């Protein structure tokens, strides 16, 4: 049986389906992936971008929790 060919398939992987137990499973050692080497300034930029991405939502959740605690605390004491 001939495999179907799709015109809109560009070969990108959306989800890794290499799961142990499937008949098409290939161990990690067979895949050829180059390690990414970043310069010191690139590593610093990635670190700070991740920190900025995490920090704002974390501060909002923390401020909301503190505001909720203070609101409950002062309403019950009043």
PDB file of N, CA and C in Angstrom:
ATOM      1  N   UNK A   1       0.847  -1.186   0.000  1.00  0.00           N
ATOM      2  CA  UNK A   1       0.000   0.000   0.000  1.00  0.00           C
ATOM      3  C   UNK A   1       0.893   1.250   0.000  1.00  0.00           C
ATOM      4  N   UNK A   2       0.591   2.184  -0.847  1.00  0.00           N
ATOM      5  CA  UNK A   2       1.379   3.403  -0.996  1.00  0.00           C
ATOM      6  C   UNK A   2       0.975   4.421   0.074  1.00  0.00           C
ATOM      7  N   UNK A   3       1.988   5.094   0.665  1.00  0.00           N
ATOM      8  CA  UNK A   3       1.708   6.131   1.660  1.00  0.00           C
ATOM      9  C   UNK A   3       1.076   7.347   1.003  1.00  0.00           C
ATOM     10  N   UNK A   4       0.152   7.967   1.731  1.00  0.00           N
ATOM     11  CA  UNK A   4      -0.469   9.192   1.227  1.00  0.00           C
ATOM     12  C   UNK A   4       0.547  10.327   1.281  1.00  0.00           C
ATOM     13  N   UNK A   5       0.509  11.176   0.299  1.00  0.00           N
ATOM     14  CA  UNK A   5       1.358  12.356   0.292  1.00  0.00           C
ATOM     15  C   UNK A   5       0.477  13.587   0.436  1.00  0.00           C
ATOM     16  N   UNK A   6       0.830  14.414   1.407  1.00  0.00           N
ATOM     17  CA  UNK A   6       0.054  15.621   1.668  1.00  0.00           C
ATOM     18  C   UNK A   6       0.802  16.828   1.115  1.00  0.00           C
ATOM     19  N   UNK A   7       0.067  17.718   0.491  1.00  0.00           N
ATOM     20  CA  UNK A   7       0.691  18.886  -0.122  1.00  0.00           C
ATOM     21  C   UNK A   7       1.091  19.939   0.914  1.00  0.00           C
ATOM     22  N   UNK A   8       0.387  19.967   2.053  1.00  0.00           N
ATOM     23  CA  UNK A   8       0.676  20.997   3.046  1.00  0.00           C
ATOM     24  C   UNK A   8       1.661  20.524   4.115  1.00  0.00           C
ATOM     25  N   UNK A   9       2.241  19.338   3.972  1.00  0.00           N
ATOM     26  CA  UNK A   9       3.199  18.812   4.943  1.00  0.00           C
ATOM     27  C   UNK A   9       4.584  19.374   4.649  1.00  0.00           C
ATOM     28  N   UNK A  10       5.131  20.108   5.617  1.00  0.00           N
ATOM     29  CA  UNK A  10       6.464  20.672   5.422  1.00  0.00           C
ATOM     30  C   UNK A  10       7.516  19.946   6.266  1.00  0.00           C
ATOM     31  N   UNK A  11       7.143  18.875   6.954  1.00  0.00           N
ATOM     32  CA  UNK A  11       8.094  18.055   7.676  1.00  0.00           C
ATOM     33  C   UNK A  11       8.359  18.469   9.108  1.00  0.00           C
ATOM     34  N   UNK A  12       7.734  19.531   9.591  1.00  0.00           N
ATOM     35  CA  UNK A  12       7.956  19.957  10.969  1.00  0.00           C
ATOM     36  C   UNK A  12       7.250  19.026  11.946  1.00  0.00           C
ATOM     37  N   UNK A  13       7.807  18.881  13.143  1.00  0.00           N
ATOM     38  CA  UNK A  13       7.206  18.058  14.178  1.00  0.00           C
ATOM     39  C   UNK A  13       6.407  18.947  15.111  1.00  0.00           C
ATOM     40  N   UNK A  14       5.130  18.642  15.280  1.00  0.00           N
ATOM     41  CA  UNK A  14       4.289  19.401  16.195  1.00  0.00           C
ATOM     42  C   UNK A  14       4.362  18.775  17.588  1.00  0.00           C
ATOM     43  N   UNK A  15       4.294  17.454  17.661  1.00  0.00           N
ATOM     44  CA  UNK A  15       4.389  16.746  18.935  1.00  0.00           C
ATOM     45  C   UNK A  15       5.294  15.534  18.747  1.00  0.00           C
ATOM     46  N   UNK A  16       6.181  15.331  19.678  1.00  0.00           N
ATOM     47  CA  UNK A  16       7.092  14.203  19.593  1.00  0.00           C
ATOM     48  C   UNK A  16       6.326  12.920  19.905  1.00  0.00           C
ATOM     49  N   UNK A  17       6.206  12.040  18.936  1.00  0.00           N
ATOM     50  CA  UNK A  17       5.487  10.781  19.112  1.00  0.00           C
ATOM     51  C   UNK A  17       6.443   9.610  19.314  1.00  0.00           C
ATOM     52  N   UNK A  18       7.681   9.883  19.666  1.00  0.00           N
ATOM     53  CA  UNK A  18       8.660   8.841  19.909  1.00  0.00           C
ATOM     54  C   UNK A  18       8.488   8.345  21.346  1.00  0.00           C
ATOM     55  N   UNK A  19       7.505   7.468  21.562  1.00  0.00           N
ATOM     56  CA  UNK A  19       7.158   6.983  22.888  1.00  0.00           C
ATOM     57  C   UNK A  19       7.539   5.519  23.002  1.00  0.00           C
ATOM     58  N   UNK A  20       8.199   5.160  24.102  1.00  0.00           N
ATOM     59  CA  UNK A  20       8.612   3.780  24.295  1.00  0.00           C
ATOM     60  C   UNK A  20       7.384   2.874  24.327  1.00  0.00           C
ATOM     61  N   UNK A  21       7.450   1.791  23.592  1.00  0.00           N
ATOM     62  CA  UNK A  21       6.323   0.870  23.498  1.00  0.00           C
ATOM     63  C   UNK A  21       5.655   0.921  22.139  1.00  0.00           C
ATOM     64  N   UNK A  22       5.772   2.044  21.434  1.00  0.00           N
ATOM     65  CA  UNK A  22       5.246   2.121  20.069  1.00  0.00           C
ATOM     66  C   UNK A  22       6.197   1.384  19.144  1.00  0.00           C
ATOM     67  N   UNK A  23       5.677   0.849  18.063  1.00  0.00           N
ATOM     68  CA  UNK A  23       6.534   0.065  17.183  1.00  0.00           C
ATOM     69  C   UNK A  23       7.540   0.928  16.422  1.00  0.00           C
ATOM     70  N   UNK A  24       7.313   2.220  16.334  1.00  0.00           N
ATOM     71  CA  UNK A  24       8.245   3.105  15.628  1.00  0.00           C
ATOM     72  C   UNK A  24       9.203   3.811  16.587  1.00  0.00           C
ATOM     73  N   UNK A  25       9.242   3.355  17.849  1.00  0.00           N
ATOM     74  CA  UNK A  25      10.115   3.982  18.858  1.00  0.00           C
ATOM     75  C   UNK A  25      11.588   3.837  18.483  1.00  0.00           C
ATOM     76  N   UNK A  26      12.315   4.953  18.577  1.00  0.00           N
ATOM     77  CA  UNK A  26      13.768   4.951  18.382  1.00  0.00           C
ATOM     78  C   UNK A  26      14.403   5.523  19.641  1.00  0.00           C
ATOM     79  N   UNK A  27      15.352   4.826  20.238  1.00  0.00           N
ATOM     80  CA  UNK A  27      16.015   5.361  21.444  1.00  0.00           C
ATOM     81  C   UNK A  27      16.724   6.683  21.155  1.00  0.00           C
ATOM     82  N   UNK A  28      16.985   7.425  22.203  1.00  0.00           N
ATOM     83  CA  UNK A  28      17.612   8.747  22.076  1.00  0.00           C
ATOM     84  C   UNK A  28      18.959   8.681  21.372  1.00  0.00           C
ATOM     85  N   UNK A  29      19.695   7.591  21.539  1.00  0.00           N
ATOM     86  CA  UNK A  29      21.039   7.526  20.987  1.00  0.00           C
ATOM     87  C   UNK A  29      21.039   7.528  19.455  1.00  0.00           C
ATOM     88  N   UNK A  30      19.924   7.157  18.834  1.00  0.00           N
ATOM     89  CA  UNK A  30      19.872   7.121  17.368  1.00  0.00           C
ATOM     90  C   UNK A  30      19.661   8.496  16.753  1.00  0.00           C
ATOM     91  N   UNK A  31      19.074   9.410  17.526  1.00  0.00           N
ATOM     92  CA  UNK A  31      18.793  10.732  16.972  1.00  0.00           C
ATOM     93  C   UNK A  31      20.039  11.596  16.988  1.00  0.00           C
ATOM     94  N   UNK A  32      20.217  12.346  15.946  1.00  0.00           N
ATOM     95  CA  UNK A  32      21.389  13.225  15.837  1.00  0.00           C
ATOM     96  C   UNK A  32      20.947  14.667  16.063  1.00  0.00           C
ATOM     97  N   UNK A  33      21.227  15.178  17.249  1.00  0.00           N
ATOM     98  CA  UNK A  33      20.912  16.569  17.556  1.00  0.00           C
ATOM     99  C   UNK A  33      22.193  17.253  18.014  1.00  0.00           C
ATOM    100  N   UNK A  34      22.447  18.407  17.460  1.00  0.00           N
ATOM    101  CA  UNK A  34      23.631  19.161  17.848  1.00  0.00           C
ATOM    102  C   UNK A  34      23.346  19.912  19.145  1.00  0.00           C
ATOM    103  N   UNK A  35      24.275  19.915  20.078  1.00  0.00           N
ATOM    104  CA  UNK A  35      24.081  20.719  21.284  1.00  0.00           C
ATOM    105  C   UNK A  35      24.183  22.207  20.940  1.00  0.00           C
ATOM    106  N   UNK A  36      23.369  22.996  21.603  1.00  0.00           N
ATOM    107  CA  UNK A  36      23.363  24.431  21.362  1.00  0.00           C
ATOM    108  C   UNK A  36      24.436  25.073  22.223  1.00  0.00           C
ATOM    109  N   UNK A  37      25.291  25.855  21.607  1.00  0.00           N
ATOM    110  CA  UNK A  37      26.313  26.567  22.372  1.00  0.00           C
ATOM    111  C   UNK A  37      26.013  28.059  22.294  1.00  0.00           C
ATOM    112  N   UNK A  38      25.836  28.654  23.456  1.00  0.00           N
ATOM    113  CA  UNK A  38      25.522  30.076  23.540  1.00  0.00           C
ATOM    114  C   UNK A  38      26.708  30.837  24.114  1.00  0.00           C
ATOM    115  N   UNK A  39      26.864  32.050  23.654  1.00  0.00           N
ATOM    116  CA  UNK A  39      27.906  32.892  24.233  1.00  0.00           C
ATOM    117  C   UNK A  39      27.435  33.382  25.604  1.00  0.00           C
ATOM    118  N   UNK A  40      28.328  33.976  26.339  1.00  0.00           N
ATOM    119  CA  UNK A  40      28.001  34.440  27.684  1.00  0.00           C
ATOM    120  C   UNK A  40      26.887  35.488  27.657  1.00  0.00           C
ATOM    121  N   UNK A  41      26.937  36.398  26.688  1.00  0.00           N
ATOM    122  CA  UNK A  41      25.907  37.438  26.609  1.00  0.00           C
ATOM    123  C   UNK A  41      24.562  36.842  26.181  1.00  0.00           C
ATOM    124  N   UNK A  42      24.585  35.840  25.296  1.00  0.00           N
ATOM    125  CA  UNK A  42      23.336  35.180  24.900  1.00  0.00           C
ATOM    126  C   UNK A  42      22.724  34.429  26.075  1.00  0.00           C
ATOM    127  N   UNK A  43      23.555  33.732  26.849  1.00  0.00           N
ATOM    128  CA  UNK A  43      23.069  33.011  28.023  1.00  0.00           C
ATOM    129  C   UNK A  43      22.435  33.978  29.022  1.00  0.00           C
ATOM    130  N   UNK A  44      23.080  35.123  29.218  1.00  0.00           N
ATOM    131  CA  UNK A  44      22.548  36.132  30.133  1.00  0.00           C
ATOM    132  C   UNK A  44      21.215  36.677  29.626  1.00  0.00           C
ATOM    133  N   UNK A  45      21.111  36.900  28.317  1.00  0.00           N
ATOM    134  CA  UNK A  45      19.868  37.408  27.745  1.00  0.00           C
ATOM    135  C   UNK A  45      18.738  36.397  27.903  1.00  0.00           C
ATOM    136  N   UNK A  46      19.026  35.118  27.695  1.00  0.00           N
ATOM    137  CA  UNK A  46      18.005  34.085  27.865  1.00  0.00           C
ATOM    138  C   UNK A  46      17.578  34.012  29.329  1.00  0.00           C
ATOM    139  N   UNK A  47      18.517  34.088  30.236  1.00  0.00           N
ATOM    140  CA  UNK A  47      18.210  34.038  31.669  1.00  0.00           C
ATOM    141  C   UNK A  47      17.299  35.193  32.066  1.00  0.00           C
ATOM    142  N   UNK A  48      17.642  36.419  31.672  1.00  0.00           N
ATOM    143  CA  UNK A  48      16.842  37.575  32.052  1.00  0.00           C
ATOM    144  C   UNK A  48      15.477  37.587  31.361  1.00  0.00           C
ATOM    145  N   UNK A  49      15.393  37.083  30.142  1.00  0.00           N
ATOM    146  CA  UNK A  49      14.094  36.996  29.469  1.00  0.00           C
ATOM    147  C   UNK A  49      13.179  36.023  30.202  1.00  0.00           C
ATOM    148  N   UNK A  50      13.724  34.897  30.625  1.00  0.00           N
ATOM    149  CA  UNK A  50      12.932  33.948  31.402  1.00  0.00           C
ATOM    150  C   UNK A  50      12.512  34.523  32.739  1.00  0.00           C
ATOM    151  N   UNK A  51      13.412  35.246  33.373  1.00  0.00           N
ATOM    152  CA  UNK A  51      13.102  35.863  34.653  1.00  0.00           C
ATOM    153  C   UNK A  51      11.995  36.906  34.514  1.00  0.00           C
ATOM    154  N   UNK A  52      12.083  37.741  33.474  1.00  0.00           N
ATOM    155  CA  UNK A  52      11.046  38.749  33.251  1.00  0.00           C
ATOM    156  C   UNK A  52       9.707  38.100  32.943  1.00  0.00           C
ATOM    157  N   UNK A  53       9.730  36.994  32.201  1.00  0.00           N
ATOM    158  CA  UNK A  53       8.497  36.305  31.847  1.00  0.00           C
ATOM    159  C   UNK A  53       7.832  35.724  33.086  1.00  0.00           C
ATOM    160  N   UNK A  54       8.602  35.230  34.023  1.00  0.00           N
ATOM    161  CA  UNK A  54       8.062  34.614  35.224  1.00  0.00           C
ATOM    162  C   UNK A  54       7.711  35.637  36.295  1.00  0.00           C
ATOM    163  N   UNK A  55       8.490  36.709  36.398  1.00  0.00           N
ATOM    164  CA  UNK A  55       8.393  37.624  37.525  1.00  0.00           C
ATOM    165  C   UNK A  55       7.072  38.391  37.591  1.00  0.00           C
ATOM    166  N   UNK A  56       6.580  38.922  36.486  1.00  0.00           N
ATOM    167  CA  UNK A  56       5.350  39.718  36.521  1.00  0.00           C
ATOM    168  C   UNK A  56       4.144  38.897  36.970  1.00  0.00           C
ATOM    169  N   UNK A  57       3.875  37.733  36.385  1.00  0.00           N
ATOM    170  CA  UNK A  57       2.738  36.950  36.894  1.00  0.00           C
ATOM    171  C   UNK A  57       2.920  36.519  38.349  1.00  0.00           C
ATOM    172  N   UNK A  58       4.154  36.193  38.743  1.00  0.00           N
ATOM    173  CA  UNK A  58       4.397  35.783  40.127  1.00  0.00           C
ATOM    174  C   UNK A  58       4.118  36.941  41.085  1.00  0.00           C
ATOM    175  N   UNK A  59       4.531  38.136  40.730  1.00  0.00           N
ATOM    176  CA  UNK A  59       4.266  39.298  41.584  1.00  0.00           C
ATOM    177  C   UNK A  59       2.777  39.615  41.653  1.00  0.00           C
ATOM    178  N   UNK A  60       2.058  39.455  40.534  1.00  0.00           N
ATOM    179  CA  UNK A  60       0.608  39.689  40.534  1.00  0.00           C
ATOM    180  C   UNK A  60      -0.113  38.690  41.430  1.00  0.00           C
ATOM    181  N   UNK A  61       0.273  37.436  41.365  1.00  0.00           N
ATOM    182  CA  UNK A  61      -0.346  36.422  42.224  1.00  0.00           C
ATOM    183  C   UNK A  61      -0.024  36.705  43.684  1.00  0.00           C
ATOM    184  N   UNK A  62       1.204  37.066  43.969  1.00  0.00           N
ATOM    185  CA  UNK A  62       1.605  37.383  45.335  1.00  0.00           C
ATOM    186  C   UNK A  62       0.847  38.608  45.858  1.00  0.00           C
ATOM    187  N   UNK A  63       0.755  39.654  45.061  1.00  0.00           N
ATOM    188  CA  UNK A  63       0.033  40.855  45.483  1.00  0.00           C
ATOM    189  C   UNK A  63      -1.454  40.560  45.680  1.00  0.00           C
ATOM    190  N   UNK A  64      -2.029  39.754  44.806  1.00  0.00           N
ATOM    191  CA  UNK A  64      -3.438  39.380  44.963  1.00  0.00           C
ATOM    192  C   UNK A  64      -3.670  38.573  46.221  1.00  0.00           C
ATOM    193  N   UNK A  65      -2.755  37.668  46.520  1.00  0.00           N
ATOM    194  CA  UNK A  65      -2.880  36.881  47.753  1.00  0.00           C
ATOM    195  C   UNK A  65      -2.765  37.747  48.983  1.00  0.00           C
ATOM    196  N   UNK A  66      -1.842  38.677  48.989  1.00  0.00           N
ATOM    197  CA  UNK A  66      -1.689  39.582  50.128  1.00  0.00           C
ATOM    198  C   UNK A  66      -2.915  40.471  50.266  1.00  0.00           C
ATOM    199  N   UNK A  67      -3.418  40.991  49.154  1.00  0.00           N
ATOM    200  CA  UNK A  67      -4.616  41.836  49.204  1.00  0.00           C
ATOM    201  C   UNK A  67      -5.822  41.050  49.715  1.00  0.00           C
ATOM    202  N   UNK A  68      -5.989  39.818  49.277  1.00  0.00           N
ATOM    203  CA  UNK A  68      -7.103  38.998  49.748  1.00  0.00           C
ATOM    204  C   UNK A  68      -6.966  38.711  51.237  1.00  0.00           C
ATOM    205  N   UNK A  69      -5.739  38.407  51.683  1.00  0.00           N
ATOM    206  CA  UNK A  69      -5.512  38.147  53.103  1.00  0.00           C
ATOM    207  C   UNK A  69      -5.834  39.384  53.937  1.00  0.00           C
ATOM    208  N   UNK A  70      -5.333  40.546  53.510  1.00  0.00           N
ATOM    209  CA  UNK A  70      -5.580  41.778  54.269  1.00  0.00           C
ATOM    210  C   UNK A  70      -7.061  42.133  54.264  1.00  0.00           C
ATOM    211  N   UNK A  71      -7.730  41.953  53.160  1.00  0.00           N
ATOM    212  CA  UNK A  71      -9.164  42.242  53.076  1.00  0.00           C
ATOM    213  C   UNK A  71      -9.941  41.349  54.042  1.00  0.00           C
ATOM    214  N   UNK A  72      -9.672  40.074  54.034  1.00  0.00           N
ATOM    215  CA  UNK A  72     -10.355  39.153  54.953  1.00  0.00           C
ATOM    216  C   UNK A  72     -10.005  39.464  56.402  1.00  0.00           C
ATOM    217  N   UNK A  73      -8.757  39.748  56.663  1.00  0.00           N
ATOM    218  CA  UNK A  73      -8.312  40.018  58.032  1.00  0.00           C
ATOM    219  C   UNK A  73      -8.992  41.242  58.612  1.00  0.00           C
ATOM    220  N   UNK A  74      -9.018  42.350  57.851  1.00  0.00           N
ATOM    221  CA  UNK A  74      -9.599  43.582  58.389  1.00  0.00           C
ATOM    222  C   UNK A  74     -11.114  43.568  58.386  1.00  0.00           C
ATOM    223  N   UNK A  75     -11.747  42.831  57.481  1.00  0.00           N
ATOM    224  CA  UNK A  75     -13.211  42.746  57.489  1.00  0.00           C
ATOM    225  C   UNK A  75     -13.699  41.952  58.690  1.00  0.00           C
ATOM    226  N   UNK A  76     -12.978  40.900  59.076  1.00  0.00           N
ATOM    227  CA  UNK A  76     -13.397  40.104  60.221  1.00  0.00           C
ATOM    228  C   UNK A  76     -13.107  40.823  61.539  1.00  0.00           C
ATOM    229  N   UNK A  77     -12.111  41.670  61.551  1.00  0.00           N
ATOM    230  CA  UNK A  77     -11.801  42.387  62.793  1.00  0.00           C
ATOM    231  C   UNK A  77     -12.633  43.653  62.978  1.00  0.00           C
ATOM    232  N   UNK A  78     -13.283  44.080  61.947  1.00  0.00           N
ATOM    233  CA  UNK A  78     -14.018  45.343  62.038  1.00  0.00           C
ATOM    234  C   UNK A  78     -15.343  45.141  62.617  1.00  0.00           C
TER     235      UNK A  78
END
